[in-house]
Amino acid sequence: MSNGRQESYSAQRDLHTRGKVLMRRILLGSLFVSSCGLVALSGSPLLAQAGMPSQGQQQPQQQQQRPGGINPGGENPNGPDTAAAHVDDKKFVKDAAEGGMMEVELGKMAASKGASDGVKQFGQKMVDDHSKANDQLKEVASKEGMEIPSAIGSKKQAHIDKLSKLDGEAFDKAYVKDMVKDHETDVHEFQVEAQNGTNPNVKQFAASTLPTLQEHLNMIKDLSKKEKGK
């Protein structure tokens, strides 16, 4: 092969190689430009207007709340919810009258057979305070034409009979435990009636009696601590 042909062939091969390199550079440059364009678009207002989250952003989590400030877990952060409770004034009067009579009977029992002075004194206070409240409730019921039971129901009477069979410290322990539970229930029911009752006189009775019941609850809780500390 002559020198002229060799030089021509070498020149063509160099040109072909340079062409390949140039095409690779152009292709890589195009890919780089496309990538940069996508990155730029990810934070653009166009995607935001389309409702698509931009890069690095997280969708805000909205906490669900129920009406009245009650969270999904069912707990009210403002305390016990009595505002939405349904109230039956006649049922409240009936339950309060029967419960009051039971408190008097158990109080008499505690005053006579209680082992500790604290139980005896608390029992006598129940007799005095609940007898007075029972008389006030009778007046309200009579004025409003509401019927109240004249005797304690069989369920509550059975509970009285059960306690009457206990003596000494066993009686004190059972009586104090029952009084804590009963007065927690009473305070709640009277709060509901005082806030949501529909009959003005019954509502007023509940509101005026509530402080006495709250005092009883505080007293019996203190007595319960003393009994447990023995």
Protein backbone atom coordinates (compact mmCIF):
# COMPACT_ATOMS: atom_id res chain seq x y z
CA MET A 1 0.00 0.00 0.00
CA SER A 2 1.37 3.45 -0.94
CA ASN A 3 2.09 6.14 1.56
CA GLY A 4 -0.71 8.34 0.19
CA ARG A 5 -3.34 5.68 0.70
CA GLN A 6 -2.16 4.93 4.24
CA GLU A 7 -2.37 8.57 5.20
CA SER A 8 -5.87 8.85 3.74
CA TYR A 9 -7.06 5.74 5.61
CA SER A 10 -5.58 7.01 8.90
CA ALA A 11 -7.27 10.34 8.46
CA GLN A 12 -10.65 8.71 7.85
CA ARG A 13 -10.25 6.47 10.92
CA ASP A 14 -9.35 9.46 13.13
CA LEU A 15 -12.34 11.37 11.81
CA HIS A 16 -14.66 8.44 12.54
CA THR A 17 -13.29 8.09 16.09
CA ARG A 18 -13.70 11.82 16.76
CA GLY A 19 -17.28 11.62 15.49
CA LYS A 20 -18.10 8.87 17.97
CA VAL A 21 -16.63 10.84 20.86
CA LEU A 22 -18.54 13.94 19.81
CA MET A 23 -21.87 12.00 19.63
CA ARG A 24 -21.28 10.57 23.09
CA ARG A 25 -20.68 14.04 24.49
CA ILE A 26 -23.83 15.37 22.83
CA LEU A 27 -25.87 12.44 24.19
CA LEU A 28 -24.50 12.87 27.72
CA GLY A 29 -25.16 16.59 27.56
CA SER A 30 -28.77 16.00 26.52
CA LEU A 31 -29.32 13.59 29.41
CA PHE A 32 -27.83 16.07 31.86
CA VAL A 33 -30.07 18.89 30.59
CA SER A 34 -33.15 16.65 30.89
CA SER A 35 -32.25 15.70 34.45
CA CYS A 36 -31.79 19.31 35.43
CA GLY A 37 -35.15 20.13 33.89
CA LEU A 38 -36.93 17.49 35.96
CA VAL A 39 -35.28 18.68 39.16
CA ALA A 40 -36.32 22.23 38.42
CA LEU A 41 -39.90 21.20 37.68
CA SER A 42 -40.17 19.29 40.95
CA GLY A 43 -40.23 22.57 42.88
CA SER A 44 -42.13 24.63 40.33
CA PRO A 45 -45.56 26.24 40.93
CA LEU A 46 -46.96 24.18 38.05
CA LEU A 47 -46.69 20.98 40.06
CA ALA A 48 -48.07 22.73 43.13
CA GLN A 49 -51.08 23.93 41.13
CA ALA A 50 -51.63 20.38 39.90
CA GLY A 51 -51.84 19.19 43.50
CA MET A 52 -48.61 17.20 43.31
CA PRO A 53 -46.19 17.33 46.25
CA SER A 54 -42.83 18.83 45.43
CA GLN A 55 -39.58 17.13 46.27
CA GLY A 56 -38.70 17.23 49.98
CA GLN A 57 -42.23 18.12 50.99
CA GLN A 58 -44.54 15.92 53.05
CA GLN A 59 -48.27 15.91 53.06
CA PRO A 60 -49.52 17.45 56.34
CA GLN A 61 -51.26 15.03 58.63
CA GLN A 62 -54.54 16.40 59.88
CA GLN A 63 -55.71 15.34 63.29
CA GLN A 64 -59.30 14.32 63.32
CA GLN A 65 -61.52 15.77 66.01
CA ARG A 66 -65.03 15.01 67.01
CA PRO A 67 -67.55 17.67 67.93
CA GLY A 68 -67.31 19.01 71.45
CA GLY A 69 -63.53 18.71 71.67
CA ILE A 70 -63.57 14.92 72.02
CA ASN A 71 -60.64 13.25 70.38
CA PRO A 72 -60.82 10.00 68.36
CA GLY A 73 -59.66 8.03 71.40
CA GLY A 74 -62.95 8.89 73.10
CA GLU A 75 -61.45 11.00 75.84
CA ASN A 76 -62.56 14.52 76.47
CA PRO A 77 -59.56 16.78 77.29
CA ASN A 78 -61.88 19.10 79.24
CA GLY A 79 -62.92 16.38 81.72
CA PRO A 80 -66.14 14.35 82.06
CA ASP A 81 -68.69 15.36 79.46
CA THR A 82 -72.05 16.04 81.14
CA ALA A 83 -73.23 18.67 78.66
CA ALA A 84 -74.56 16.13 76.13
CA ALA A 85 -76.08 13.72 78.64
CA HIS A 86 -79.79 12.96 78.33
CA VAL A 87 -81.72 13.59 81.53
CA ASP A 88 -84.98 12.00 82.68
CA ASP A 89 -86.13 14.13 85.62
CA LYS A 90 -88.67 11.59 86.85
CA LYS A 91 -86.13 8.78 86.83
CA PHE A 92 -83.63 10.99 88.64
CA VAL A 93 -86.20 11.74 91.39
CA LYS A 94 -87.03 8.05 91.78
CA ASP A 95 -83.37 6.97 91.93
CA ALA A 96 -82.40 9.80 94.27
CA ALA A 97 -85.25 8.98 96.66
CA GLU A 98 -84.43 5.28 96.80
CA GLY A 99 -80.70 5.94 97.08
CA GLY A 100 -81.30 8.46 99.87
CA MET A 101 -83.34 5.97 101.87
CA MET A 102 -80.60 3.36 101.50
CA GLU A 103 -77.95 5.84 102.69
CA VAL A 104 -80.01 6.50 105.83
CA GLU A 105 -80.44 2.79 106.62
CA LEU A 106 -76.76 2.02 106.06
CA GLY A 107 -75.82 5.10 108.10
CA LYS A 108 -77.85 3.88 111.05
CA MET A 109 -76.13 0.52 110.77
CA ALA A 110 -72.66 2.11 110.64
CA ALA A 111 -73.40 4.37 113.61
CA SER A 112 -74.44 1.41 115.75
CA LYS A 113 -72.11 -1.41 114.69
CA GLY A 114 -69.09 0.33 113.18
CA ALA A 115 -65.78 -0.76 114.70
CA SER A 116 -63.98 2.57 114.32
CA ASP A 117 -65.06 6.02 115.52
CA GLY A 118 -64.57 7.36 111.99
CA VAL A 119 -67.10 4.92 110.54
CA LYS A 120 -69.57 5.61 113.37
CA GLN A 121 -69.32 9.38 112.91
CA PHE A 122 -69.62 9.17 109.15
CA GLY A 123 -72.63 6.87 109.46
CA GLN A 124 -74.41 9.36 111.72
CA LYS A 125 -73.68 12.18 109.28
CA MET A 126 -75.28 10.12 106.51
CA VAL A 127 -78.41 9.74 108.62
CA ASP A 128 -78.64 13.47 109.33
CA ASP A 129 -77.77 14.83 105.87
CA HIS A 130 -79.68 12.31 103.77
CA SER A 131 -82.78 12.48 105.97
CA LYS A 132 -82.85 16.23 105.34
CA ALA A 133 -82.27 15.77 101.60
CA ASN A 134 -85.00 13.10 101.44
CA ASP A 135 -87.53 15.49 102.99
CA GLN A 136 -86.59 18.22 100.50
CA LEU A 137 -86.96 15.80 97.60
CA LYS A 138 -90.41 14.75 98.79
CA GLU A 139 -91.54 18.37 98.73
CA VAL A 140 -90.23 18.86 95.19
CA ALA A 141 -91.82 15.62 93.97
CA SER A 142 -95.16 16.52 95.54
CA LYS A 143 -95.14 19.96 93.97
CA GLU A 144 -94.30 18.58 90.53
CA GLY A 145 -96.70 15.65 90.75
CA MET A 146 -93.94 13.06 90.58
CA GLU A 147 -94.17 9.71 92.32
CA ILE A 148 -91.36 8.53 94.57
CA PRO A 149 -90.93 5.06 96.09
CA SER A 150 -92.14 4.61 99.63
CA ALA A 151 -89.72 1.75 100.32
CA ILE A 152 -86.29 0.59 99.23
CA GLY A 153 -86.23 -1.70 96.19
CA SER A 154 -85.38 -5.39 96.49
CA LYS A 155 -81.91 -5.03 94.97
CA LYS A 156 -80.79 -2.34 97.39
CA GLN A 157 -82.49 -4.08 100.31
CA ALA A 158 -80.55 -7.26 99.53
CA HIS A 159 -77.34 -5.23 99.72
CA ILE A 160 -78.36 -3.80 103.10
CA ASP A 161 -79.11 -7.31 104.37
CA LYS A 162 -75.70 -8.50 103.18
CA LEU A 163 -73.86 -5.77 105.10
CA SER A 164 -75.94 -6.38 108.21
CA LYS A 165 -74.38 -9.83 108.51
CA LEU A 166 -70.87 -8.37 108.84
CA ASP A 167 -69.26 -7.17 112.06
CA GLY A 168 -66.16 -5.35 113.24
CA GLU A 169 -63.44 -4.48 110.79
CA ALA A 170 -65.07 -6.58 108.06
CA PHE A 171 -68.15 -4.36 108.24
CA ASP A 172 -66.09 -1.16 108.29
CA LYS A 173 -64.12 -2.23 105.22
CA ALA A 174 -67.21 -3.20 103.21
CA TYR A 175 -69.17 -0.11 104.28
CA VAL A 176 -66.39 2.35 103.43
CA LYS A 177 -65.81 0.70 100.05
CA ASP A 178 -69.53 0.93 99.22
CA MET A 179 -69.78 4.54 100.32
CA VAL A 180 -66.90 5.60 98.06
CA LYS A 181 -68.51 3.91 95.08
CA ASP A 182 -72.04 5.15 95.88
CA HIS A 183 -71.01 8.76 96.37
CA GLU A 184 -68.91 8.84 93.20
CA THR A 185 -72.03 7.73 91.33
CA ASP A 186 -74.26 10.17 93.23
CA VAL A 187 -72.00 13.15 92.55
CA HIS A 188 -71.94 12.39 88.83
CA GLU A 189 -75.72 11.91 88.56
CA PHE A 190 -76.46 15.09 90.51
CA GLN A 191 -74.00 17.04 88.34
CA VAL A 192 -75.76 15.84 85.20
CA GLU A 193 -79.19 16.79 86.56
CA ALA A 194 -77.99 20.17 87.83
CA GLN A 195 -76.55 21.04 84.41
CA ASN A 196 -79.06 19.44 82.05
CA GLY A 197 -82.29 18.92 83.98
CA THR A 198 -85.46 20.17 82.28
CA ASN A 199 -87.58 20.64 85.40
CA PRO A 200 -86.43 23.84 87.19
CA ASN A 201 -87.34 22.65 90.71
CA VAL A 202 -85.72 19.23 90.31
CA LYS A 203 -82.68 20.89 88.76
CA GLN A 204 -82.43 23.28 91.69
CA PHE A 205 -82.69 20.44 94.19
CA ALA A 206 -79.80 18.65 92.49
CA ALA A 207 -77.67 21.79 92.43
CA SER A 208 -78.30 22.63 96.09
CA THR A 209 -77.65 19.04 97.28
CA LEU A 210 -74.50 18.54 95.20
CA PRO A 211 -72.08 20.36 97.58
CA THR A 212 -73.18 18.09 100.45
CA LEU A 213 -72.57 14.98 98.35
CA GLN A 214 -69.15 16.25 97.30
CA GLU A 215 -68.34 16.82 100.97
CA HIS A 216 -69.43 13.25 101.75
CA LEU A 217 -67.23 11.91 98.94
CA ASN A 218 -64.16 13.77 100.20
CA MET A 219 -64.79 12.58 103.75
CA ILE A 220 -65.23 8.92 102.84
CA LYS A 221 -62.14 8.96 100.62
CA ASP A 222 -60.09 10.28 103.52
CA LEU A 223 -61.61 7.68 105.80
CA SER A 224 -60.81 4.97 103.24
CA LYS A 225 -57.13 5.98 103.29
CA LYS A 226 -57.07 5.81 107.08
CA GLU A 227 -58.72 2.40 107.11
CA LYS A 228 -56.22 1.05 104.60
CA GLY A 229 -53.33 2.45 106.64
CA LYS A 230 -54.23 0.39 109.69
